Amino acid sequence: MLRLVGGAAAGPFVGGLERLRRGVDSALGSTTGGHDADEWERVSDDYAYDVGHVPPAQMLPYLLADLDEIQARVAHSTGDLQTRLMRVTSQLSALTAITLLNVGYAQHANGYWRTALRAADQIGDRSLQALVRGRRAVFGLYQQRAPQSVVKLAGEAVAVAAGTPCAGVASGHAARAQVFATHGHHREAHDALDDLTAVFLLLPDQVREDQDSQWGWSEQRLRHVESFVHSHAGRAGDATAAQDAARGLYPDAAYQGPAQVELHRATCLIVSGDPSEGARHVIRALEALRPDYGHDGLVRRTAALTLDVLPDRARNLPAVTQARDLLALSLGRP
């Protein structure tokens, strides 16, 4: 995991370090070789594990600095080396988009998604093309994108893979299941969940066993989607089973997923007819977060989705008012 400096000093600190390091690189020569590509691939893999575990406001300046550097190196490379560096550029751009969403800059993420897509499409890597589209569709749920847009992106992720089971296809089906559930299309959501389960069983072992990375698609992700879909449908038994299974599969360092699953529990309580307890569970889920995680964009948006399912008759309940006030407080910047 990254060891990052925190607080407002992170930006200037990173800037100073980067100027010093680039001066050293310049003295060593600017030629990029295969060993550099190996290192950049390791850098990308490390970030893929850190996103969702390290506070996003701390990680963002590092990601931006590395993305700026690799884009310069792509411009001065050719052939297979350039292809490898463009693949990393696509991955780092997608991770930057996710991190921007996590810190609450959802609209700023769109340009980085476009860069990620353009790089993946230029090298013609179908698995990467599907992966970027699938992850963008999933995170589109938390960007308040129009449901038709999410469904379209999800369909593109499935189509571009051309029948090959991969993480991008799984993400596409996951996005469809969740967006249908959010808008009350529970039969379509259940059908999409069935499609996801079928693809999950066909994924390569290394993809299913990669539990911590943004690029893996483990059982933990499957149970998370089941939790979301069943909770919005009010299927309490299925939802609880999925929630308990997901919580047991998250690594100790994870904070986003476990918080979201607890917010799914709150959703199920509300849909099942207990809005006061559902609102109280929203409060418990938000208050359980460490202060440096309390501003996380995905968690906040999941809480907002939970409160959106409240019936009109419950909107003035004391617990609901308290939950809304707490969520509004968390919208401030760290």
C-alpha atoms as a PDB file:
ATOM      1  CA  MET A   1       0.000   0.000   0.000  1.00  0.00           C
ATOM      2  CA  LEU A   2       1.064   3.572  -0.567  1.00  0.00           C
ATOM      3  CA  ARG A   3       2.412   5.559   2.349  1.00  0.00           C
ATOM      4  CA  LEU A   4       1.025   9.011   1.723  1.00  0.00           C
ATOM      5  CA  VAL A   5       1.354  12.363   3.411  1.00  0.00           C
ATOM      6  CA  GLY A   6      -1.970  13.781   4.479  1.00  0.00           C
ATOM      7  CA  GLY A   7      -3.839  17.039   4.663  1.00  0.00           C
ATOM      8  CA  ALA A   8      -3.519  20.213   2.634  1.00  0.00           C
ATOM      9  CA  ALA A   9       0.276  19.865   2.464  1.00  0.00           C
ATOM     10  CA  ALA A  10       0.046  16.852   0.148  1.00  0.00           C
ATOM     11  CA  GLY A  11      -0.243  18.878  -3.077  1.00  0.00           C
ATOM     12  CA  PRO A  12       2.771  21.219  -2.585  1.00  0.00           C
ATOM     13  CA  PHE A  13       4.806  18.383  -1.065  1.00  0.00           C
ATOM     14  CA  VAL A  14       4.204  16.137  -4.073  1.00  0.00           C
ATOM     15  CA  GLY A  15       4.891  18.995  -6.475  1.00  0.00           C
ATOM     16  CA  GLY A  16       8.287  19.636  -4.903  1.00  0.00           C
ATOM     17  CA  LEU A  17       9.198  15.962  -4.942  1.00  0.00           C
ATOM     18  CA  GLU A  18       8.172  15.629  -8.575  1.00  0.00           C
ATOM     19  CA  ARG A  19      10.299  18.586  -9.687  1.00  0.00           C
ATOM     20  CA  LEU A  20      13.306  17.090  -7.895  1.00  0.00           C
ATOM     21  CA  ARG A  21      12.752  13.602  -9.330  1.00  0.00           C
ATOM     22  CA  ARG A  22      12.263  14.865 -12.893  1.00  0.00           C
ATOM     23  CA  GLY A  23      15.493  16.796 -12.630  1.00  0.00           C
ATOM     24  CA  VAL A  24      17.269  13.548 -11.733  1.00  0.00           C
ATOM     25  CA  ASP A  25      15.528  11.727 -14.605  1.00  0.00           C
ATOM     26  CA  SER A  26      16.631  14.418 -17.030  1.00  0.00           C
ATOM     27  CA  ALA A  27      20.241  13.980 -15.935  1.00  0.00           C
ATOM     28  CA  LEU A  28      19.951  10.212 -16.479  1.00  0.00           C
ATOM     29  CA  GLY A  29      18.469  10.580 -19.958  1.00  0.00           C
ATOM     30  CA  SER A  30      14.919  10.655 -21.286  1.00  0.00           C
ATOM     31  CA  THR A  31      14.902   7.413 -23.294  1.00  0.00           C
ATOM     32  CA  THR A  32      12.198   4.985 -22.190  1.00  0.00           C
ATOM     33  CA  GLY A  33      12.898   1.257 -22.453  1.00  0.00           C
ATOM     34  CA  GLY A  34      11.301  -2.063 -21.635  1.00  0.00           C
ATOM     35  CA  HIS A  35      12.421  -1.931 -18.018  1.00  0.00           C
ATOM     36  CA  ASP A  36      10.581   1.399 -17.684  1.00  0.00           C
ATOM     37  CA  ALA A  37       7.416  -0.203 -19.062  1.00  0.00           C
ATOM     38  CA  ASP A  38       7.772  -3.006 -16.496  1.00  0.00           C
ATOM     39  CA  GLU A  39       7.964  -0.422 -13.734  1.00  0.00           C
ATOM     40  CA  TRP A  40       4.966   1.540 -15.032  1.00  0.00           C
ATOM     41  CA  GLU A  41       2.897  -1.643 -15.118  1.00  0.00           C
ATOM     42  CA  ARG A  42       3.808  -2.264 -11.487  1.00  0.00           C
ATOM     43  CA  VAL A  43       2.853   1.328 -10.648  1.00  0.00           C
ATOM     44  CA  SER A  44      -0.553   0.853 -12.273  1.00  0.00           C
ATOM     45  CA  ASP A  45      -1.126  -2.419 -10.405  1.00  0.00           C
ATOM     46  CA  ASP A  46      -0.238  -0.750  -7.104  1.00  0.00           C
ATOM     47  CA  TYR A  47      -2.708   2.077  -7.684  1.00  0.00           C
ATOM     48  CA  ALA A  48      -5.416  -0.425  -8.625  1.00  0.00           C
ATOM     49  CA  TYR A  49      -5.037  -1.945  -5.152  1.00  0.00           C
ATOM     50  CA  ASP A  50      -4.847   1.403  -3.345  1.00  0.00           C
ATOM     51  CA  VAL A  51      -8.005   2.943  -4.822  1.00  0.00           C
ATOM     52  CA  GLY A  52     -10.788   2.243  -2.350  1.00  0.00           C
ATOM     53  CA  HIS A  53      -8.346   1.641   0.507  1.00  0.00           C
ATOM     54  CA  VAL A  54      -6.228   4.802   0.736  1.00  0.00           C
ATOM     55  CA  PRO A  55      -8.055   8.117   1.417  1.00  0.00           C
ATOM     56  CA  PRO A  56      -8.660   9.484  -2.093  1.00  0.00           C
ATOM     57  CA  ALA A  57      -7.726  13.094  -1.324  1.00  0.00           C
ATOM     58  CA  GLN A  58      -4.267  11.884  -0.307  1.00  0.00           C
ATOM     59  CA  MET A  59      -3.765   9.712  -3.388  1.00  0.00           C
ATOM     60  CA  LEU A  60      -5.064  12.079  -6.083  1.00  0.00           C
ATOM     61  CA  PRO A  61      -1.939  14.311  -6.443  1.00  0.00           C
ATOM     62  CA  TYR A  62       0.267  11.240  -6.843  1.00  0.00           C
ATOM     63  CA  LEU A  63      -1.986   9.802  -9.533  1.00  0.00           C
ATOM     64  CA  LEU A  64      -2.109  13.077 -11.446  1.00  0.00           C
ATOM     65  CA  ALA A  65       1.678  13.467 -11.318  1.00  0.00           C
ATOM     66  CA  ASP A  66       2.268   9.929 -12.603  1.00  0.00           C
ATOM     67  CA  LEU A  67      -0.374  10.263 -15.306  1.00  0.00           C
ATOM     68  CA  ASP A  68       1.253  13.473 -16.527  1.00  0.00           C
ATOM     69  CA  GLU A  69       4.640  11.770 -16.743  1.00  0.00           C
ATOM     70  CA  ILE A  70       3.515   8.645 -18.562  1.00  0.00           C
ATOM     71  CA  GLN A  71       1.646  10.667 -21.171  1.00  0.00           C
ATOM     72  CA  ALA A  72       4.917  12.446 -21.957  1.00  0.00           C
ATOM     73  CA  ARG A  73       6.693   9.094 -22.239  1.00  0.00           C
ATOM     74  CA  VAL A  74       4.020   7.707 -24.597  1.00  0.00           C
ATOM     75  CA  ALA A  75       4.665  10.640 -26.920  1.00  0.00           C
ATOM     76  CA  HIS A  76       8.357   9.682 -27.189  1.00  0.00           C
ATOM     77  CA  SER A  77       7.940   5.917 -27.657  1.00  0.00           C
ATOM     78  CA  THR A  78       7.007   3.630 -30.557  1.00  0.00           C
ATOM     79  CA  GLY A  79       5.943   0.087 -31.335  1.00  0.00           C
ATOM     80  CA  ASP A  80       5.312  -2.470 -28.606  1.00  0.00           C
ATOM     81  CA  LEU A  81       6.747  -0.159 -25.955  1.00  0.00           C
ATOM     82  CA  GLN A  82       4.244   2.544 -26.840  1.00  0.00           C
ATOM     83  CA  THR A  83       1.407   0.000 -26.740  1.00  0.00           C
ATOM     84  CA  ARG A  84       2.397  -1.077 -23.244  1.00  0.00           C
ATOM     85  CA  LEU A  85       2.632   2.522 -22.029  1.00  0.00           C
ATOM     86  CA  MET A  86      -0.732   3.388 -23.596  1.00  0.00           C
ATOM     87  CA  ARG A  87      -2.300   0.463 -21.753  1.00  0.00           C
ATOM     88  CA  VAL A  88      -0.963   1.890 -18.494  1.00  0.00           C
ATOM     89  CA  THR A  89      -2.177   5.361 -19.533  1.00  0.00           C
ATOM     90  CA  SER A  90      -5.680   3.952 -19.984  1.00  0.00           C
ATOM     91  CA  GLN A  91      -5.557   2.260 -16.595  1.00  0.00           C
ATOM     92  CA  LEU A  92      -4.181   5.293 -14.736  1.00  0.00           C
ATOM     93  CA  SER A  93      -6.738   7.564 -16.435  1.00  0.00           C
ATOM     94  CA  ALA A  94      -9.582   5.286 -15.296  1.00  0.00           C
ATOM     95  CA  LEU A  95      -8.187   5.169 -11.753  1.00  0.00           C
ATOM     96  CA  THR A  96      -7.903   8.970 -11.753  1.00  0.00           C
ATOM     97  CA  ALA A  97     -11.556   9.232 -12.820  1.00  0.00           C
ATOM     98  CA  ILE A  98     -12.582   6.899  -9.993  1.00  0.00           C
ATOM     99  CA  THR A  99     -10.504   8.849  -7.473  1.00  0.00           C
ATOM    100  CA  LEU A 100     -11.995  12.172  -8.596  1.00  0.00           C
ATOM    101  CA  LEU A 101     -15.443  10.697  -8.045  1.00  0.00           C
ATOM    102  CA  ASN A 102     -14.345   9.486  -4.615  1.00  0.00           C
ATOM    103  CA  VAL A 103     -13.283  13.002  -3.597  1.00  0.00           C
ATOM    104  CA  GLY A 104     -16.547  14.483  -4.839  1.00  0.00           C
ATOM    105  CA  TYR A 105     -15.498  15.895  -8.224  1.00  0.00           C
ATOM    106  CA  ALA A 106     -17.798  13.728 -10.303  1.00  0.00           C
ATOM    107  CA  GLN A 107     -18.016  16.010 -13.328  1.00  0.00           C
ATOM    108  CA  HIS A 108     -14.231  16.372 -13.531  1.00  0.00           C
ATOM    109  CA  ALA A 109     -13.972  12.584 -13.876  1.00  0.00           C
ATOM    110  CA  ASN A 110     -15.543  12.541 -17.345  1.00  0.00           C
ATOM    111  CA  GLY A 111     -12.456  13.803 -19.193  1.00  0.00           C
ATOM    112  CA  TYR A 112     -10.303  11.097 -17.624  1.00  0.00           C
ATOM    113  CA  TRP A 113     -12.817   8.413 -18.577  1.00  0.00           C
ATOM    114  CA  ARG A 114     -12.614   9.679 -22.168  1.00  0.00           C
ATOM    115  CA  THR A 115      -8.814   9.476 -22.100  1.00  0.00           C
ATOM    116  CA  ALA A 116      -8.994   5.948 -20.700  1.00  0.00           C
ATOM    117  CA  LEU A 117     -11.397   4.889 -23.455  1.00  0.00           C
ATOM    118  CA  ARG A 118      -9.390   6.546 -26.218  1.00  0.00           C
ATOM    119  CA  ALA A 119      -6.139   4.860 -25.153  1.00  0.00           C
ATOM    120  CA  ALA A 120      -7.810   1.443 -24.833  1.00  0.00           C
ATOM    121  CA  ASP A 121      -9.476   1.787 -28.225  1.00  0.00           C
ATOM    122  CA  GLN A 122      -6.271   2.899 -29.951  1.00  0.00           C
ATOM    123  CA  ILE A 123      -4.375  -0.213 -28.895  1.00  0.00           C
ATOM    124  CA  GLY A 124      -7.383  -2.447 -29.627  1.00  0.00           C
ATOM    125  CA  ASP A 125      -7.195  -4.474 -26.405  1.00  0.00           C
ATOM    126  CA  ARG A 126     -10.744  -5.863 -26.146  1.00  0.00           C
ATOM    127  CA  SER A 127     -10.395  -6.892 -22.505  1.00  0.00           C
ATOM    128  CA  LEU A 128      -9.211  -3.405 -21.561  1.00  0.00           C
ATOM    129  CA  GLN A 129     -11.880  -1.774 -23.734  1.00  0.00           C
ATOM    130  CA  ALA A 130     -14.550  -3.779 -21.925  1.00  0.00           C
ATOM    131  CA  LEU A 131     -12.979  -3.123 -18.539  1.00  0.00           C
ATOM    132  CA  VAL A 132     -12.920   0.669 -18.907  1.00  0.00           C
ATOM    133  CA  ARG A 133     -16.474   0.768 -20.238  1.00  0.00           C
ATOM    134  CA  GLY A 134     -17.749  -1.595 -17.564  1.00  0.00           C
ATOM    135  CA  ARG A 135     -16.139   0.284 -14.687  1.00  0.00           C
ATOM    136  CA  ARG A 136     -17.341   3.602 -16.106  1.00  0.00           C
ATOM    137  CA  ALA A 137     -20.875   2.192 -16.217  1.00  0.00           C
ATOM    138  CA  VAL A 138     -20.667   1.046 -12.596  1.00  0.00           C
ATOM    139  CA  PHE A 139     -19.338   4.371 -11.386  1.00  0.00           C
ATOM    140  CA  GLY A 140     -21.917   6.141 -13.534  1.00  0.00           C
ATOM    141  CA  LEU A 141     -24.432   5.015 -10.915  1.00  0.00           C
ATOM    142  CA  TYR A 142     -22.693   7.346  -8.468  1.00  0.00           C
ATOM    143  CA  GLN A 143     -22.199  10.202 -10.946  1.00  0.00           C
ATOM    144  CA  GLN A 144     -25.959  10.638 -11.280  1.00  0.00           C
ATOM    145  CA  ARG A 145     -25.742   9.797 -14.980  1.00  0.00           C
ATOM    146  CA  ALA A 146     -29.038   9.233 -16.780  1.00  0.00           C
ATOM    147  CA  PRO A 147     -30.052   5.554 -16.480  1.00  0.00           C
ATOM    148  CA  GLN A 148     -30.112   5.233 -20.275  1.00  0.00           C
ATOM    149  CA  SER A 149     -26.469   6.335 -20.361  1.00  0.00           C
ATOM    150  CA  VAL A 150     -25.444   3.722 -17.786  1.00  0.00           C
ATOM    151  CA  VAL A 151     -27.314   0.974 -19.642  1.00  0.00           C
ATOM    152  CA  LYS A 152     -25.691   2.038 -22.936  1.00  0.00           C
ATOM    153  CA  LEU A 153     -22.189   1.984 -21.446  1.00  0.00           C
ATOM    154  CA  ALA A 154     -22.886  -1.389 -19.864  1.00  0.00           C
ATOM    155  CA  GLY A 155     -24.082  -2.761 -23.202  1.00  0.00           C
ATOM    156  CA  GLU A 156     -20.932  -1.489 -24.902  1.00  0.00           C
ATOM    157  CA  ALA A 157     -18.780  -3.255 -22.295  1.00  0.00           C
ATOM    158  CA  VAL A 158     -20.525  -6.551 -23.001  1.00  0.00           C
ATOM    159  CA  ALA A 159     -20.492  -6.110 -26.789  1.00  0.00           C
ATOM    160  CA  VAL A 160     -16.834  -5.092 -27.193  1.00  0.00           C
ATOM    161  CA  ALA A 161     -15.659  -8.226 -25.368  1.00  0.00           C
ATOM    162  CA  ALA A 162     -17.130 -10.273 -28.246  1.00  0.00           C
ATOM    163  CA  GLY A 163     -18.249 -13.178 -26.053  1.00  0.00           C
ATOM    164  CA  THR A 164     -15.096 -13.448 -23.923  1.00  0.00           C
ATOM    165  CA  PRO A 165     -15.861 -13.618 -20.178  1.00  0.00           C
ATOM    166  CA  CYS A 166     -13.842 -10.891 -18.480  1.00  0.00           C
ATOM    167  CA  ALA A 167     -14.033  -8.357 -15.659  1.00  0.00           C
ATOM    168  CA  GLY A 168     -15.416  -5.694 -17.993  1.00  0.00           C
ATOM    169  CA  VAL A 169     -18.381  -7.866 -18.985  1.00  0.00           C
ATOM    170  CA  ALA A 170     -19.072  -8.643 -15.324  1.00  0.00           C
ATOM    171  CA  SER A 171     -19.001  -4.918 -14.535  1.00  0.00           C
ATOM    172  CA  GLY A 172     -21.393  -4.256 -17.417  1.00  0.00           C
ATOM    173  CA  HIS A 173     -23.967  -6.718 -16.106  1.00  0.00           C
ATOM    174  CA  ALA A 174     -23.437  -5.405 -12.553  1.00  0.00           C
ATOM    175  CA  ALA A 175     -24.143  -1.846 -13.694  1.00  0.00           C
ATOM    176  CA  ARG A 176     -27.321  -2.932 -15.502  1.00  0.00           C
ATOM    177  CA  ALA A 177     -28.577  -4.844 -12.467  1.00  0.00           C
ATOM    178  CA  GLN A 178     -28.010  -1.920 -10.121  1.00  0.00           C
ATOM    179  CA  VAL A 179     -29.420   0.826 -12.336  1.00  0.00           C
ATOM    180  CA  PHE A 180     -32.567  -1.220 -12.960  1.00  0.00           C
ATOM    181  CA  ALA A 181     -32.921  -1.851  -9.214  1.00  0.00           C
ATOM    182  CA  THR A 182     -32.469   1.855  -8.424  1.00  0.00           C
ATOM    183  CA  HIS A 183     -35.349   2.773 -10.733  1.00  0.00           C
ATOM    184  CA  GLY A 184     -37.717   0.066  -9.542  1.00  0.00           C
ATOM    185  CA  HIS A 185     -37.392  -2.285 -12.529  1.00  0.00           C
ATOM    186  CA  HIS A 186     -36.919  -5.292 -10.281  1.00  0.00           C
ATOM    187  CA  ARG A 187     -37.587  -8.042 -12.829  1.00  0.00           C
ATOM    188  CA  GLU A 188     -35.031  -6.584 -15.237  1.00  0.00           C
ATOM    189  CA  ALA A 189     -32.595  -6.162 -12.331  1.00  0.00           C
ATOM    190  CA  HIS A 190     -33.021  -9.805 -11.359  1.00  0.00           C
ATOM    191  CA  ASP A 191     -32.472 -10.916 -14.975  1.00  0.00           C
ATOM    192  CA  ALA A 192     -29.285  -8.830 -15.166  1.00  0.00           C
ATOM    193  CA  LEU A 193     -28.135 -10.358 -11.888  1.00  0.00           C
ATOM    194  CA  ASP A 194     -28.644 -13.809 -13.416  1.00  0.00           C
ATOM    195  CA  ASP A 195     -26.527 -12.736 -16.414  1.00  0.00           C
ATOM    196  CA  LEU A 196     -23.836 -11.510 -14.024  1.00  0.00           C
ATOM    197  CA  THR A 197     -23.807 -14.783 -12.090  1.00  0.00           C
ATOM    198  CA  ALA A 198     -23.460 -16.777 -15.314  1.00  0.00           C
ATOM    199  CA  VAL A 199     -20.488 -14.663 -16.462  1.00  0.00           C
ATOM    200  CA  PHE A 200     -18.904 -14.759 -13.004  1.00  0.00           C
ATOM    201  CA  LEU A 201     -18.737 -18.551 -13.122  1.00  0.00           C
ATOM    202  CA  LEU A 202     -16.850 -18.364 -16.448  1.00  0.00           C
ATOM    203  CA  LEU A 203     -14.262 -15.772 -15.395  1.00  0.00           C
ATOM    204  CA  PRO A 204     -10.608 -16.859 -15.329  1.00  0.00           C
ATOM    205  CA  ASP A 205      -9.476 -17.929 -11.871  1.00  0.00           C
ATOM    206  CA  GLN A 206      -6.999 -15.051 -11.604  1.00  0.00           C
ATOM    207  CA  VAL A 207      -9.823 -12.541 -12.131  1.00  0.00           C
ATOM    208  CA  ARG A 208     -12.156 -14.186  -9.604  1.00  0.00           C
ATOM    209  CA  GLU A 209      -9.392 -14.528  -7.043  1.00  0.00           C
ATOM    210  CA  ASP A 210      -8.282 -10.881  -7.331  1.00  0.00           C
ATOM    211  CA  GLN A 211     -10.270  -9.537  -4.404  1.00  0.00           C
ATOM    212  CA  ASP A 212      -8.554  -6.232  -3.673  1.00  0.00           C
ATOM    213  CA  SER A 213      -7.835  -4.678  -7.083  1.00  0.00           C
ATOM    214  CA  GLN A 214     -10.061  -2.401  -9.154  1.00  0.00           C
ATOM    215  CA  TRP A 215      -9.372  -4.759 -12.060  1.00  0.00           C
ATOM    216  CA  GLY A 216     -10.394  -8.011 -10.376  1.00  0.00           C
ATOM    217  CA  TRP A 217     -13.914  -9.429 -10.140  1.00  0.00           C
ATOM    218  CA  SER A 218     -14.129 -11.554  -7.027  1.00  0.00           C
ATOM    219  CA  GLU A 219     -17.040 -13.127  -5.169  1.00  0.00           C
ATOM    220  CA  GLN A 220     -17.059 -10.071  -2.906  1.00  0.00           C
ATOM    221  CA  ARG A 221     -18.181  -7.932  -5.871  1.00  0.00           C
ATOM    222  CA  LEU A 222     -20.882 -10.436  -6.778  1.00  0.00           C
ATOM    223  CA  ARG A 223     -22.291 -10.455  -3.237  1.00  0.00           C
ATOM    224  CA  HIS A 224     -22.150  -6.643  -3.169  1.00  0.00           C
ATOM    225  CA  VAL A 225     -24.301  -6.434  -6.307  1.00  0.00           C
ATOM    226  CA  GLU A 226     -26.703  -9.047  -4.916  1.00  0.00           C
ATOM    227  CA  SER A 227     -26.958  -6.958  -1.746  1.00  0.00           C
ATOM    228  CA  PHE A 228     -27.804  -3.838  -3.755  1.00  0.00           C
ATOM    229  CA  VAL A 229     -30.407  -5.523  -5.980  1.00  0.00           C
ATOM    230  CA  HIS A 230     -32.183  -7.494  -3.254  1.00  0.00           C
ATOM    231  CA  SER A 231     -32.180  -4.519  -0.873  1.00  0.00           C
ATOM    232  CA  HIS A 232     -33.887  -2.218  -3.366  1.00  0.00           C
ATOM    233  CA  ALA A 233     -36.464  -4.921  -4.046  1.00  0.00           C
ATOM    234  CA  GLY A 234     -37.124  -5.422  -0.313  1.00  0.00           C
ATOM    235  CA  ARG A 235     -36.178  -9.109  -0.399  1.00  0.00           C
ATOM    236  CA  ALA A 236     -34.960  -9.057   3.195  1.00  0.00           C
ATOM    237  CA  GLY A 237     -33.785 -12.674   3.458  1.00  0.00           C
ATOM    238  CA  ASP A 238     -31.785 -12.645   0.223  1.00  0.00           C
ATOM    239  CA  ALA A 239     -30.444  -9.170   0.998  1.00  0.00           C
ATOM    240  CA  THR A 240     -29.235 -10.104   4.486  1.00  0.00           C
ATOM    241  CA  ALA A 241     -27.520 -13.251   3.199  1.00  0.00           C
ATOM    242  CA  ALA A 242     -25.726 -11.270   0.484  1.00  0.00           C
ATOM    243  CA  GLN A 243     -24.764  -8.483   2.906  1.00  0.00           C
ATOM    244  CA  ASP A 244     -23.327 -10.871   5.463  1.00  0.00           C
ATOM    245  CA  ALA A 245     -21.413 -12.731   2.756  1.00  0.00           C
ATOM    246  CA  ALA A 246     -20.006  -9.511   1.286  1.00  0.00           C
ATOM    247  CA  ARG A 247     -18.932  -8.140   4.658  1.00  0.00           C
ATOM    248  CA  GLY A 248     -17.079 -11.356   5.384  1.00  0.00           C
ATOM    249  CA  LEU A 249     -15.136 -11.122   2.125  1.00  0.00           C
ATOM    250  CA  TYR A 250     -13.901  -7.536   2.325  1.00  0.00           C
ATOM    251  CA  PRO A 251     -10.230  -7.094   3.283  1.00  0.00           C
ATOM    252  CA  ASP A 252      -9.509  -5.337   6.559  1.00  0.00           C
ATOM    253  CA  ALA A 253      -8.263  -2.188   4.792  1.00  0.00           C
ATOM    254  CA  ALA A 254     -11.476  -1.688   2.807  1.00  0.00           C
ATOM    255  CA  TYR A 255     -13.825   1.085   3.865  1.00  0.00           C
ATOM    256  CA  GLN A 256     -16.009   1.939   0.848  1.00  0.00           C
ATOM    257  CA  GLY A 257     -17.572  -1.443   0.228  1.00  0.00           C
ATOM    258  CA  PRO A 258     -18.391  -2.258   3.862  1.00  0.00           C
ATOM    259  CA  ALA A 259     -19.956   1.197   4.359  1.00  0.00           C
ATOM    260  CA  GLN A 260     -21.996   0.786   1.182  1.00  0.00           C
ATOM    261  CA  VAL A 261     -23.224  -2.646   2.267  1.00  0.00           C
ATOM    262  CA  GLU A 262     -24.415  -1.187   5.571  1.00  0.00           C
ATOM    263  CA  LEU A 263     -26.269   1.460   3.592  1.00  0.00           C
ATOM    264  CA  HIS A 264     -27.851  -1.347   1.556  1.00  0.00           C
ATOM    265  CA  ARG A 265     -29.121  -2.748   4.871  1.00  0.00           C
ATOM    266  CA  ALA A 266     -30.675   0.635   5.562  1.00  0.00           C
ATOM    267  CA  THR A 267     -32.296   0.619   2.111  1.00  0.00           C
ATOM    268  CA  CYS A 268     -33.833  -2.789   2.761  1.00  0.00           C
ATOM    269  CA  LEU A 269     -35.191  -1.652   6.132  1.00  0.00           C
ATOM    270  CA  ILE A 270     -36.866   1.341   4.503  1.00  0.00           C
ATOM    271  CA  VAL A 271     -38.286  -0.609   1.554  1.00  0.00           C
ATOM    272  CA  SER A 272     -39.514  -3.328   3.941  1.00  0.00           C
ATOM    273  CA  GLY A 273     -41.547  -0.763   5.901  1.00  0.00           C
ATOM    274  CA  ASP A 274     -39.333   0.577   8.707  1.00  0.00           C
ATOM    275  CA  PRO A 275     -38.134   4.020   7.560  1.00  0.00           C
ATOM    276  CA  SER A 276     -37.126   5.213  11.019  1.00  0.00           C
ATOM    277  CA  GLU A 277     -34.807   2.274  11.642  1.00  0.00           C
ATOM    278  CA  GLY A 278     -33.511   2.545   8.094  1.00  0.00           C
ATOM    279  CA  ALA A 279     -32.628   6.199   8.669  1.00  0.00           C
ATOM    280  CA  ARG A 280     -30.997   5.343  11.994  1.00  0.00           C
ATOM    281  CA  HIS A 281     -28.880   2.732  10.209  1.00  0.00           C
ATOM    282  CA  VAL A 282     -27.773   5.368   7.693  1.00  0.00           C
ATOM    283  CA  ILE A 283     -26.612   7.459  10.656  1.00  0.00           C
ATOM    284  CA  ARG A 284     -24.747   4.520  12.171  1.00  0.00           C
ATOM    285  CA  ALA A 285     -23.036   3.714   8.847  1.00  0.00           C
ATOM    286  CA  LEU A 286     -21.862   7.296   8.326  1.00  0.00           C
ATOM    287  CA  GLU A 287     -20.750   7.836  11.902  1.00  0.00           C
ATOM    288  CA  ALA A 288     -18.729   4.606  11.852  1.00  0.00           C
ATOM    289  CA  LEU A 289     -16.401   6.001   9.169  1.00  0.00           C
ATOM    290  CA  ARG A 290     -13.027   7.444  10.087  1.00  0.00           C
ATOM    291  CA  PRO A 291     -12.948  11.248   9.652  1.00  0.00           C
ATOM    292  CA  ASP A 292     -10.665  11.034   6.599  1.00  0.00           C
ATOM    293  CA  TYR A 293     -13.149   8.675   4.912  1.00  0.00           C
ATOM    294  CA  GLY A 294     -16.318  10.560   5.836  1.00  0.00           C
ATOM    295  CA  HIS A 295     -16.263  12.718   2.696  1.00  0.00           C
ATOM    296  CA  ASP A 296     -16.006   9.794   0.281  1.00  0.00           C
ATOM    297  CA  GLY A 297     -18.104  10.442  -2.831  1.00  0.00           C
ATOM    298  CA  LEU A 298     -19.254   6.846  -3.338  1.00  0.00           C
ATOM    299  CA  VAL A 299     -20.347   6.468   0.264  1.00  0.00           C
ATOM    300  CA  ARG A 300     -22.181   9.806   0.220  1.00  0.00           C
ATOM    301  CA  ARG A 301     -23.945   8.968  -3.038  1.00  0.00           C
ATOM    302  CA  THR A 302     -24.941   5.525  -1.729  1.00  0.00           C
ATOM    303  CA  ALA A 303     -26.401   7.194   1.366  1.00  0.00           C
ATOM    304  CA  ALA A 304     -28.316   9.612  -0.866  1.00  0.00           C
ATOM    305  CA  LEU A 305     -29.690   6.693  -2.901  1.00  0.00           C
ATOM    306  CA  THR A 306     -30.811   5.089   0.339  1.00  0.00           C
ATOM    307  CA  LEU A 307     -32.663   8.203   1.492  1.00  0.00           C
ATOM    308  CA  ASP A 308     -34.218   8.536  -1.973  1.00  0.00           C
ATOM    309  CA  VAL A 309     -36.286   5.381  -1.388  1.00  0.00           C
ATOM    310  CA  LEU A 310     -38.060   6.939   1.610  1.00  0.00           C
ATOM    311  CA  PRO A 311     -41.821   7.276   1.105  1.00  0.00           C
ATOM    312  CA  ASP A 312     -43.255  10.792   1.275  1.00  0.00           C
ATOM    313  CA  ARG A 313     -45.017  10.025   4.539  1.00  0.00           C
ATOM    314  CA  ALA A 314     -41.668   9.355   6.239  1.00  0.00           C
ATOM    315  CA  ARG A 315     -39.702  12.393   5.117  1.00  0.00           C
ATOM    316  CA  ASN A 316     -40.353  14.414   8.288  1.00  0.00           C
ATOM    317  CA  LEU A 317     -39.570  11.675  10.789  1.00  0.00           C
ATOM    318  CA  PRO A 318     -36.941  12.780  13.357  1.00  0.00           C
ATOM    319  CA  ALA A 319     -34.481  10.032  12.371  1.00  0.00           C
ATOM    320  CA  VAL A 320     -34.853  10.933   8.691  1.00  0.00           C
ATOM    321  CA  THR A 321     -34.193  14.607   9.409  1.00  0.00           C
ATOM    322  CA  GLN A 322     -31.109  13.670  11.429  1.00  0.00           C
ATOM    323  CA  ALA A 323     -29.824  11.404   8.645  1.00  0.00           C
ATOM    324  CA  ARG A 324     -30.285  14.127   6.030  1.00  0.00           C
ATOM    325  CA  ASP A 325     -28.524  16.677   8.245  1.00  0.00           C
ATOM    326  CA  LEU A 326     -25.594  14.298   8.777  1.00  0.00           C
ATOM    327  CA  LEU A 327     -25.314  13.609   5.054  1.00  0.00           C
ATOM    328  CA  ALA A 328     -25.415  17.334   4.278  1.00  0.00           C
ATOM    329  CA  LEU A 329     -22.656  17.902   6.860  1.00  0.00           C
ATOM    330  CA  SER A 330     -20.485  15.247   5.188  1.00  0.00           C
ATOM    331  CA  LEU A 331     -20.705  17.136   1.896  1.00  0.00           C
ATOM    332  CA  GLY A 332     -18.152  19.638   3.188  1.00  0.00           C
ATOM    333  CA  ARG A 333     -14.553  19.324   2.061  1.00  0.00           C
ATOM    334  CA  PRO A 334     -12.031  17.515   4.309  1.00  0.00           C
END
